[in-house]
Amino acid sequence: MFNWDMLVPIAGMATGLILLLPIIRTGVRYLERRSGPNPDQLAAIHEELHAVHERVDAMEGSDARLAEIEERLDFSERVLARERQAPKLEGAD
């Protein structure tokens, strides 16, 4: 059988834990920011930033390709529209 006398302390501990976890996390983040990043983290951040710059440069180069593809698509649409509008020859199957 369940001991009802233990329900209030267990519920109190659970509530305290739920309320204290965000406060503890905030304190840990504050202490981490205060101490500053270590050299390994800085190196990783610099590498990631370099990779992001390379991706941006690659994306900027793809703008010209995208413009060319759009131009080709427009041309294809115009050709298809002309074929639909062109009168068909009699006797052609």
PDB file of N, CA and C in Angstrom:
ATOM      1  N   MET A   1       0.851  -1.166   0.000  1.00  0.00           N
ATOM      2  CA  MET A   1       0.000   0.000   0.000  1.00  0.00           C
ATOM      3  C   MET A   1       0.902   1.236   0.000  1.00  0.00           C
ATOM      4  N   PHE A   2       0.433   2.303  -0.627  1.00  0.00           N
ATOM      5  CA  PHE A   2       1.192   3.542  -0.759  1.00  0.00           C
ATOM      6  C   PHE A   2       1.158   4.321   0.553  1.00  0.00           C
ATOM      7  N   ASN A   3       2.287   4.842   0.963  1.00  0.00           N
ATOM      8  CA  ASN A   3       2.387   5.631   2.184  1.00  0.00           C
ATOM      9  C   ASN A   3       2.123   7.101   1.840  1.00  0.00           C
ATOM     10  N   TRP A   4       0.959   7.611   2.183  1.00  0.00           N
ATOM     11  CA  TRP A   4       0.534   8.960   1.841  1.00  0.00           C
ATOM     12  C   TRP A   4       1.324  10.034   2.593  1.00  0.00           C
ATOM     13  N   ASP A   5       1.976   9.667   3.657  1.00  0.00           N
ATOM     14  CA  ASP A   5       2.772  10.637   4.396  1.00  0.00           C
ATOM     15  C   ASP A   5       4.017  11.077   3.610  1.00  0.00           C
ATOM     16  N   MET A   6       4.435  10.284   2.646  1.00  0.00           N
ATOM     17  CA  MET A   6       5.612  10.608   1.849  1.00  0.00           C
ATOM     18  C   MET A   6       5.276  11.461   0.623  1.00  0.00           C
ATOM     19  N   LEU A   7       4.001  11.623   0.312  1.00  0.00           N
ATOM     20  CA  LEU A   7       3.603  12.341  -0.900  1.00  0.00           C
ATOM     21  C   LEU A   7       3.997  13.822  -0.844  1.00  0.00           C
ATOM     22  N   VAL A   8       3.768  14.492   0.273  1.00  0.00           N
ATOM     23  CA  VAL A   8       4.065  15.920   0.381  1.00  0.00           C
ATOM     24  C   VAL A   8       5.575  16.191   0.261  1.00  0.00           C
ATOM     25  N   PRO A   9       6.455  15.469   0.935  1.00  0.00           N
ATOM     26  CA  PRO A   9       7.891  15.734   0.764  1.00  0.00           C
ATOM     27  C   PRO A   9       8.386  15.440  -0.656  1.00  0.00           C
ATOM     28  N   ILE A  10       7.874  14.383  -1.271  1.00  0.00           N
ATOM     29  CA  ILE A  10       8.297  14.047  -2.636  1.00  0.00           C
ATOM     30  C   ILE A  10       7.837  15.131  -3.600  1.00  0.00           C
ATOM     31  N   ALA A  11       6.587  15.577  -3.453  1.00  0.00           N
ATOM     32  CA  ALA A  11       6.078  16.643  -4.315  1.00  0.00           C
ATOM     33  C   ALA A  11       6.860  17.937  -4.081  1.00  0.00           C
ATOM     34  N   GLY A  12       7.222  18.228  -2.852  1.00  0.00           N
ATOM     35  CA  GLY A  12       8.007  19.422  -2.551  1.00  0.00           C
ATOM     36  C   GLY A  12       9.384  19.367  -3.162  1.00  0.00           C
ATOM     37  N   MET A  13      10.032  18.208  -3.119  1.00  0.00           N
ATOM     38  CA  MET A  13      11.356  18.059  -3.721  1.00  0.00           C
ATOM     39  C   MET A  13      11.280  18.187  -5.242  1.00  0.00           C
ATOM     40  N   ALA A  14      10.260  17.592  -5.834  1.00  0.00           N
ATOM     41  CA  ALA A  14      10.104  17.686  -7.285  1.00  0.00           C
ATOM     42  C   ALA A  14       9.863  19.133  -7.701  1.00  0.00           C
ATOM     43  N   THR A  15       9.015  19.849  -6.976  1.00  0.00           N
ATOM     44  CA  THR A  15       8.746  21.247  -7.292  1.00  0.00           C
ATOM     45  C   THR A  15      10.005  22.089  -7.123  1.00  0.00           C
ATOM     46  N   GLY A  16      10.741  21.868  -6.065  1.00  0.00           N
ATOM     47  CA  GLY A  16      11.986  22.595  -5.849  1.00  0.00           C
ATOM     48  C   GLY A  16      12.987  22.345  -6.957  1.00  0.00           C
ATOM     49  N   LEU A  17      13.083  21.097  -7.399  1.00  0.00           N
ATOM     50  CA  LEU A  17      14.001  20.756  -8.478  1.00  0.00           C
ATOM     51  C   LEU A  17      13.591  21.456  -9.767  1.00  0.00           C
ATOM     52  N   ILE A  18      12.305  21.444 -10.056  1.00  0.00           N
ATOM     53  CA  ILE A  18      11.811  22.094 -11.273  1.00  0.00           C
ATOM     54  C   ILE A  18      12.088  23.593 -11.234  1.00  0.00           C
ATOM     55  N   LEU A  19      11.927  24.206 -10.085  1.00  0.00           N
ATOM     56  CA  LEU A  19      12.145  25.646  -9.966  1.00  0.00           C
ATOM     57  C   LEU A  19      13.628  26.021  -9.918  1.00  0.00           C
ATOM     58  N   LEU A  20      14.468  25.165  -9.370  1.00  0.00           N
ATOM     59  CA  LEU A  20      15.878  25.495  -9.219  1.00  0.00           C
ATOM     60  C   LEU A  20      16.732  25.210 -10.457  1.00  0.00           C
ATOM     61  N   LEU A  21      16.323  24.272 -11.310  1.00  0.00           N
ATOM     62  CA  LEU A  21      17.144  23.932 -12.473  1.00  0.00           C
ATOM     63  C   LEU A  21      17.412  25.128 -13.385  1.00  0.00           C
ATOM     64  N   PRO A  22      16.414  25.933 -13.751  1.00  0.00           N
ATOM     65  CA  PRO A  22      16.740  27.095 -14.602  1.00  0.00           C
ATOM     66  C   PRO A  22      17.668  28.093 -13.918  1.00  0.00           C
ATOM     67  N   ILE A  23      17.530  28.254 -12.618  1.00  0.00           N
ATOM     68  CA  ILE A  23      18.403  29.174 -11.892  1.00  0.00           C
ATOM     69  C   ILE A  23      19.835  28.652 -11.884  1.00  0.00           C
ATOM     70  N   ILE A  24      20.002  27.379 -11.690  1.00  0.00           N
ATOM     71  CA  ILE A  24      21.342  26.772 -11.694  1.00  0.00           C
ATOM     72  C   ILE A  24      21.966  26.895 -13.074  1.00  0.00           C
ATOM     73  N   ARG A  25      21.178  26.609 -14.144  1.00  0.00           N
ATOM     74  CA  ARG A  25      21.705  26.729 -15.505  1.00  0.00           C
ATOM     75  C   ARG A  25      22.155  28.158 -15.800  1.00  0.00           C
ATOM     76  N   THR A  26      21.363  29.127 -15.363  1.00  0.00           N
ATOM     77  CA  THR A  26      21.719  30.524 -15.580  1.00  0.00           C
ATOM     78  C   THR A  26      23.028  30.859 -14.867  1.00  0.00           C
ATOM     79  N   GLY A  27      23.200  30.392 -13.658  1.00  0.00           N
ATOM     80  CA  GLY A  27      24.439  30.636 -12.925  1.00  0.00           C
ATOM     81  C   GLY A  27      25.637  30.009 -13.611  1.00  0.00           C
ATOM     82  N   VAL A  28      25.488  28.806 -14.122  1.00  0.00           N
ATOM     83  CA  VAL A  28      26.584  28.127 -14.813  1.00  0.00           C
ATOM     84  C   VAL A  28      26.951  28.885 -16.084  1.00  0.00           C
ATOM     85  N   ARG A  29      25.941  29.324 -16.858  1.00  0.00           N
ATOM     86  CA  ARG A  29      26.225  30.085 -18.081  1.00  0.00           C
ATOM     87  C   ARG A  29      26.938  31.395 -17.753  1.00  0.00           C
ATOM     88  N   TYR A  30      26.517  32.049 -16.691  1.00  0.00           N
ATOM     89  CA  TYR A  30      27.168  33.298 -16.289  1.00  0.00           C
ATOM     90  C   TYR A  30      28.642  33.059 -15.969  1.00  0.00           C
ATOM     91  N   LEU A  31      28.901  32.010 -15.212  1.00  0.00           N
ATOM     92  CA  LEU A  31      30.289  31.713 -14.847  1.00  0.00           C
ATOM     93  C   LEU A  31      31.118  31.344 -16.075  1.00  0.00           C
ATOM     94  N   GLU A  32      30.521  30.623 -17.031  1.00  0.00           N
ATOM     95  CA  GLU A  32      31.250  30.270 -18.244  1.00  0.00           C
ATOM     96  C   GLU A  32      31.584  31.515 -19.059  1.00  0.00           C
ATOM     97  N   ARG A  33      30.616  32.425 -19.194  1.00  0.00           N
ATOM     98  CA  ARG A  33      30.872  33.653 -19.943  1.00  0.00           C
ATOM     99  C   ARG A  33      31.895  34.534 -19.248  1.00  0.00           C
ATOM    100  N   ARG A  34      31.847  34.547 -17.951  1.00  0.00           N
ATOM    101  CA  ARG A  34      32.760  35.388 -17.175  1.00  0.00           C
ATOM    102  C   ARG A  34      34.201  34.912 -17.321  1.00  0.00           C
ATOM    103  N   SER A  35      34.381  33.597 -17.375  1.00  0.00           N
ATOM    104  CA  SER A  35      35.742  33.063 -17.491  1.00  0.00           C
ATOM    105  C   SER A  35      36.283  33.209 -18.905  1.00  0.00           C
ATOM    106  N   GLY A  36      35.419  33.397 -19.897  1.00  0.00           N
ATOM    107  CA  GLY A  36      35.850  33.570 -21.285  1.00  0.00           C
ATOM    108  C   GLY A  36      36.087  32.229 -21.942  1.00  0.00           C
ATOM    109  N   PRO A  37      36.141  32.231 -23.269  1.00  0.00           N
ATOM    110  CA  PRO A  37      36.354  30.974 -23.994  1.00  0.00           C
ATOM    111  C   PRO A  37      37.804  30.511 -23.876  1.00  0.00           C
ATOM    112  N   ASN A  38      37.962  29.223 -23.888  1.00  0.00           N
ATOM    113  CA  ASN A  38      39.326  28.700 -23.840  1.00  0.00           C
ATOM    114  C   ASN A  38      39.896  28.668 -25.263  1.00  0.00           C
ATOM    115  N   PRO A  39      41.190  28.494 -25.409  1.00  0.00           N
ATOM    116  CA  PRO A  39      41.815  28.546 -26.744  1.00  0.00           C
ATOM    117  C   PRO A  39      41.257  27.505 -27.716  1.00  0.00           C
ATOM    118  N   ASP A  40      40.885  26.338 -27.222  1.00  0.00           N
ATOM    119  CA  ASP A  40      40.322  25.319 -28.109  1.00  0.00           C
ATOM    120  C   ASP A  40      38.993  25.793 -28.688  1.00  0.00           C
ATOM    121  N   GLN A  41      38.177  26.429 -27.865  1.00  0.00           N
ATOM    122  CA  GLN A  41      36.903  26.948 -28.349  1.00  0.00           C
ATOM    123  C   GLN A  41      37.126  28.063 -29.365  1.00  0.00           C
ATOM    124  N   LEU A  42      38.100  28.926 -29.102  1.00  0.00           N
ATOM    125  CA  LEU A  42      38.388  29.996 -30.055  1.00  0.00           C
ATOM    126  C   LEU A  42      38.838  29.446 -31.401  1.00  0.00           C
ATOM    127  N   ALA A  43      39.679  28.430 -31.373  1.00  0.00           N
ATOM    128  CA  ALA A  43      40.138  27.821 -32.623  1.00  0.00           C
ATOM    129  C   ALA A  43      38.960  27.209 -33.376  1.00  0.00           C
ATOM    130  N   ALA A  44      38.066  26.535 -32.655  1.00  0.00           N
ATOM    131  CA  ALA A  44      36.898  25.930 -33.301  1.00  0.00           C
ATOM    132  C   ALA A  44      35.982  27.007 -33.880  1.00  0.00           C
ATOM    133  N   ILE A  45      35.834  28.112 -33.167  1.00  0.00           N
ATOM    134  CA  ILE A  45      34.991  29.209 -33.655  1.00  0.00           C
ATOM    135  C   ILE A  45      35.598  29.819 -34.916  1.00  0.00           C
ATOM    136  N   HIS A  46      36.913  29.999 -34.935  1.00  0.00           N
ATOM    137  CA  HIS A  46      37.576  30.555 -36.115  1.00  0.00           C
ATOM    138  C   HIS A  46      37.442  29.624 -37.312  1.00  0.00           C
ATOM    139  N   GLU A  47      37.572  28.329 -37.094  1.00  0.00           N
ATOM    140  CA  GLU A  47      37.416  27.364 -38.187  1.00  0.00           C
ATOM    141  C   GLU A  47      35.990  27.390 -38.731  1.00  0.00           C
ATOM    142  N   GLU A  48      35.034  27.447 -37.832  1.00  0.00           N
ATOM    143  CA  GLU A  48      33.631  27.479 -38.258  1.00  0.00           C
ATOM    144  C   GLU A  48      33.328  28.769 -39.023  1.00  0.00           C
ATOM    145  N   LEU A  49      33.863  29.881 -38.564  1.00  0.00           N
ATOM    146  CA  LEU A  49      33.673  31.154 -39.252  1.00  0.00           C
ATOM    147  C   LEU A  49      34.290  31.113 -40.645  1.00  0.00           C
ATOM    148  N   HIS A  50      35.462  30.516 -40.758  1.00  0.00           N
ATOM    149  CA  HIS A  50      36.107  30.376 -42.062  1.00  0.00           C
ATOM    150  C   HIS A  50      35.249  29.524 -42.992  1.00  0.00           C
ATOM    151  N   ALA A  51      34.684  28.434 -42.470  1.00  0.00           N
ATOM    152  CA  ALA A  51      33.824  27.574 -43.281  1.00  0.00           C
ATOM    153  C   ALA A  51      32.578  28.325 -43.727  1.00  0.00           C
ATOM    154  N   VAL A  52      32.019  29.143 -42.855  1.00  0.00           N
ATOM    155  CA  VAL A  52      30.840  29.928 -43.219  1.00  0.00           C
ATOM    156  C   VAL A  52      31.187  30.925 -44.323  1.00  0.00           C
ATOM    157  N   HIS A  53      32.351  31.573 -44.221  1.00  0.00           N
ATOM    158  CA  HIS A  53      32.778  32.508 -45.264  1.00  0.00           C
ATOM    159  C   HIS A  53      32.931  31.791 -46.608  1.00  0.00           C
ATOM    160  N   GLU A  54      33.488  30.600 -46.595  1.00  0.00           N
ATOM    161  CA  GLU A  54      33.641  29.841 -47.833  1.00  0.00           C
ATOM    162  C   GLU A  54      32.282  29.492 -48.428  1.00  0.00           C
ATOM    163  N   ARG A  55      31.330  29.112 -47.582  1.00  0.00           N
ATOM    164  CA  ARG A  55      29.992  28.782 -48.084  1.00  0.00           C
ATOM    165  C   ARG A  55      29.307  30.006 -48.666  1.00  0.00           C
ATOM    166  N   VAL A  56      29.476  31.154 -48.031  1.00  0.00           N
ATOM    167  CA  VAL A  56      28.877  32.391 -48.551  1.00  0.00           C
ATOM    168  C   VAL A  56      29.488  32.735 -49.906  1.00  0.00           C
ATOM    169  N   ASP A  57      30.794  32.603 -50.023  1.00  0.00           N
ATOM    170  CA  ASP A  57      31.454  32.879 -51.308  1.00  0.00           C
ATOM    171  C   ASP A  57      30.939  31.936 -52.391  1.00  0.00           C
ATOM    172  N   ALA A  58      30.753  30.669 -52.055  1.00  0.00           N
ATOM    173  CA  ALA A  58      30.229  29.708 -53.023  1.00  0.00           C
ATOM    174  C   ALA A  58      28.797  30.060 -53.420  1.00  0.00           C
ATOM    175  N   MET A  59      28.003  30.509 -52.477  1.00  0.00           N
ATOM    176  CA  MET A  59      26.630  30.893 -52.781  1.00  0.00           C
ATOM    177  C   MET A  59      26.587  32.123 -53.682  1.00  0.00           C
ATOM    178  N   GLU A  60      27.472  33.080 -53.438  1.00  0.00           N
ATOM    179  CA  GLU A  60      27.511  34.265 -54.279  1.00  0.00           C
ATOM    180  C   GLU A  60      27.895  33.908 -55.704  1.00  0.00           C
ATOM    181  N   GLY A  61      28.744  32.923 -55.871  1.00  0.00           N
ATOM    182  CA  GLY A  61      29.111  32.464 -57.205  1.00  0.00           C
ATOM    183  C   GLY A  61      27.980  31.748 -57.905  1.00  0.00           C
ATOM    184  N   SER A  62      27.067  31.188 -57.140  1.00  0.00           N
ATOM    185  CA  SER A  62      25.962  30.463 -57.756  1.00  0.00           C
ATOM    186  C   SER A  62      24.851  31.389 -58.234  1.00  0.00           C
ATOM    187  N   ASP A  63      24.908  32.676 -57.885  1.00  0.00           N
ATOM    188  CA  ASP A  63      23.899  33.626 -58.362  1.00  0.00           C
ATOM    189  C   ASP A  63      23.925  33.730 -59.879  1.00  0.00           C
ATOM    190  N   ALA A  64      25.110  33.750 -60.464  1.00  0.00           N
ATOM    191  CA  ALA A  64      25.233  33.823 -61.920  1.00  0.00           C
ATOM    192  C   ALA A  64      24.654  32.570 -62.569  1.00  0.00           C
ATOM    193  N   ARG A  65      24.923  31.423 -61.977  1.00  0.00           N
ATOM    194  CA  ARG A  65      24.363  30.172 -62.509  1.00  0.00           C
ATOM    195  C   ARG A  65      22.850  30.183 -62.439  1.00  0.00           C
ATOM    196  N   LEU A  66      22.311  30.671 -61.329  1.00  0.00           N
ATOM    197  CA  LEU A  66      20.865  30.727 -61.168  1.00  0.00           C
ATOM    198  C   LEU A  66      20.239  31.657 -62.199  1.00  0.00           C
ATOM    199  N   ALA A  67      20.862  32.793 -62.456  1.00  0.00           N
ATOM    200  CA  ALA A  67      20.348  33.722 -63.464  1.00  0.00           C
ATOM    201  C   ALA A  67      20.346  33.071 -64.840  1.00  0.00           C
ATOM    202  N   GLU A  68      21.401  32.325 -65.162  1.00  0.00           N
ATOM    203  CA  GLU A  68      21.471  31.641 -66.453  1.00  0.00           C
ATOM    204  C   GLU A  68      20.380  30.575 -66.562  1.00  0.00           C
ATOM    205  N   ILE A  69      20.157  29.835 -65.501  1.00  0.00           N
ATOM    206  CA  ILE A  69      19.113  28.793 -65.512  1.00  0.00           C
ATOM    207  C   ILE A  69      17.737  29.426 -65.661  1.00  0.00           C
ATOM    208  N   GLU A  70      17.496  30.560 -64.997  1.00  0.00           N
ATOM    209  CA  GLU A  70      16.214  31.247 -65.138  1.00  0.00           C
ATOM    210  C   GLU A  70      16.010  31.719 -66.575  1.00  0.00           C
ATOM    211  N   GLU A  71      17.080  32.215 -67.181  1.00  0.00           N
ATOM    212  CA  GLU A  71      16.995  32.666 -68.567  1.00  0.00           C
ATOM    213  C   GLU A  71      16.665  31.503 -69.492  1.00  0.00           C
ATOM    214  N   ARG A  72      17.288  30.370 -69.286  1.00  0.00           N
ATOM    215  CA  ARG A  72      16.998  29.181 -70.102  1.00  0.00           C
ATOM    216  C   ARG A  72      15.566  28.702 -69.911  1.00  0.00           C
ATOM    217  N   LEU A  73      15.077  28.756 -68.677  1.00  0.00           N
ATOM    218  CA  LEU A  73      13.700  28.353 -68.399  1.00  0.00           C
ATOM    219  C   LEU A  73      12.713  29.280 -69.108  1.00  0.00           C
ATOM    220  N   ASP A  74      12.978  30.586 -69.058  1.00  0.00           N
ATOM    221  CA  ASP A  74      12.111  31.532 -69.763  1.00  0.00           C
ATOM    222  C   ASP A  74      12.094  31.245 -71.264  1.00  0.00           C
ATOM    223  N   PHE A  75      13.271  30.982 -71.830  1.00  0.00           N
ATOM    224  CA  PHE A  75      13.354  30.662 -73.254  1.00  0.00           C
ATOM    225  C   PHE A  75      12.545  29.407 -73.572  1.00  0.00           C
ATOM    226  N   SER A  76      12.686  28.384 -72.744  1.00  0.00           N
ATOM    227  CA  SER A  76      11.944  27.140 -72.977  1.00  0.00           C
ATOM    228  C   SER A  76      10.439  27.372 -72.892  1.00  0.00           C
ATOM    229  N   GLU A  77      10.014  28.171 -71.942  1.00  0.00           N
ATOM    230  CA  GLU A  77       8.588  28.472 -71.822  1.00  0.00           C
ATOM    231  C   GLU A  77       8.084  29.225 -73.048  1.00  0.00           C
ATOM    232  N   ARG A  78       8.875  30.153 -73.571  1.00  0.00           N
ATOM    233  CA  ARG A  78       8.455  30.886 -74.779  1.00  0.00           C
ATOM    234  C   ARG A  78       8.357  29.953 -75.969  1.00  0.00           C
ATOM    235  N   VAL A  79       9.314  29.037 -76.117  1.00  0.00           N
ATOM    236  CA  VAL A  79       9.283  28.084 -77.234  1.00  0.00           C
ATOM    237  C   VAL A  79       8.053  27.199 -77.120  1.00  0.00           C
ATOM    238  N   LEU A  80       7.759  26.699 -75.944  1.00  0.00           N
ATOM    239  CA  LEU A  80       6.577  25.852 -75.762  1.00  0.00           C
ATOM    240  C   LEU A  80       5.298  26.626 -76.019  1.00  0.00           C
ATOM    241  N   ALA A  81       5.243  27.866 -75.624  1.00  0.00           N
ATOM    242  CA  ALA A  81       4.050  28.678 -75.861  1.00  0.00           C
ATOM    243  C   ALA A  81       3.850  28.915 -77.349  1.00  0.00           C
ATOM    244  N   ARG A  82       4.930  29.138 -78.103  1.00  0.00           N
ATOM    245  CA  ARG A  82       4.826  29.320 -79.557  1.00  0.00           C
ATOM    246  C   ARG A  82       4.309  28.064 -80.216  1.00  0.00           C
ATOM    247  N   GLU A  83       4.785  26.900 -79.766  1.00  0.00           N
ATOM    248  CA  GLU A  83       4.337  25.635 -80.365  1.00  0.00           C
ATOM    249  C   GLU A  83       2.855  25.412 -80.126  1.00  0.00           C
ATOM    250  N   ARG A  84       2.362  25.805 -78.980  1.00  0.00           N
ATOM    251  CA  ARG A  84       0.940  25.635 -78.692  1.00  0.00           C
ATOM    252  C   ARG A  84       0.090  26.593 -79.516  1.00  0.00           C
ATOM    253  N   GLN A  85       0.612  27.794 -79.763  1.00  0.00           N
ATOM    254  CA  GLN A  85      -0.151  28.795 -80.485  1.00  0.00           C
ATOM    255  C   GLN A  85      -0.027  28.653 -81.994  1.00  0.00           C
ATOM    256  N   ALA A  86       0.995  27.998 -82.482  1.00  0.00           N
ATOM    257  CA  ALA A  86       1.212  27.849 -83.917  1.00  0.00           C
ATOM    258  C   ALA A  86       0.119  26.978 -84.512  1.00  0.00           C
ATOM    259  N   PRO A  87      -0.431  27.390 -85.647  1.00  0.00           N
ATOM    260  CA  PRO A  87      -1.464  26.563 -86.294  1.00  0.00           C
ATOM    261  C   PRO A  87      -0.843  25.275 -86.828  1.00  0.00           C
ATOM    262  N   LYS A  88      -1.571  24.205 -86.659  1.00  0.00           N
ATOM    263  CA  LYS A  88      -1.062  22.927 -87.124  1.00  0.00           C
ATOM    264  C   LYS A  88      -1.385  22.750 -88.607  1.00  0.00           C
ATOM    265  N   LEU A  89      -0.498  22.085 -89.310  1.00  0.00           N
ATOM    266  CA  LEU A  89      -0.704  21.841 -90.730  1.00  0.00           C
ATOM    267  C   LEU A  89      -1.758  20.761 -90.903  1.00  0.00           C
ATOM    268  N   GLU A  90      -2.571  20.943 -91.948  1.00  0.00           N
ATOM    269  CA  GLU A  90      -3.579  19.925 -92.219  1.00  0.00           C
ATOM    270  C   GLU A  90      -2.898  18.702 -92.804  1.00  0.00           C
ATOM    271  N   GLY A  91      -3.355  17.566 -92.412  1.00  0.00           N
ATOM    272  CA  GLY A  91      -2.803  16.318 -92.904  1.00  0.00           C
ATOM    273  C   GLY A  91      -1.617  15.834 -92.089  1.00  0.00           C
ATOM    274  N   ALA A  92      -1.154  16.636 -91.148  1.00  0.00           N
ATOM    275  CA  ALA A  92      -0.041  16.205 -90.297  1.00  0.00           C
ATOM    276  C   ALA A  92      -0.612  15.446 -89.085  1.00  0.00           C
ATOM    277  N   ASP A  93      -0.065  14.304 -88.834  1.00  0.00           N
ATOM    278  CA  ASP A  93      -0.537  13.499 -87.690  1.00  0.00           C
ATOM    279  C   ASP A  93       0.383  13.595 -86.533  1.00  0.00           C
TER     280      ASP A  93
END
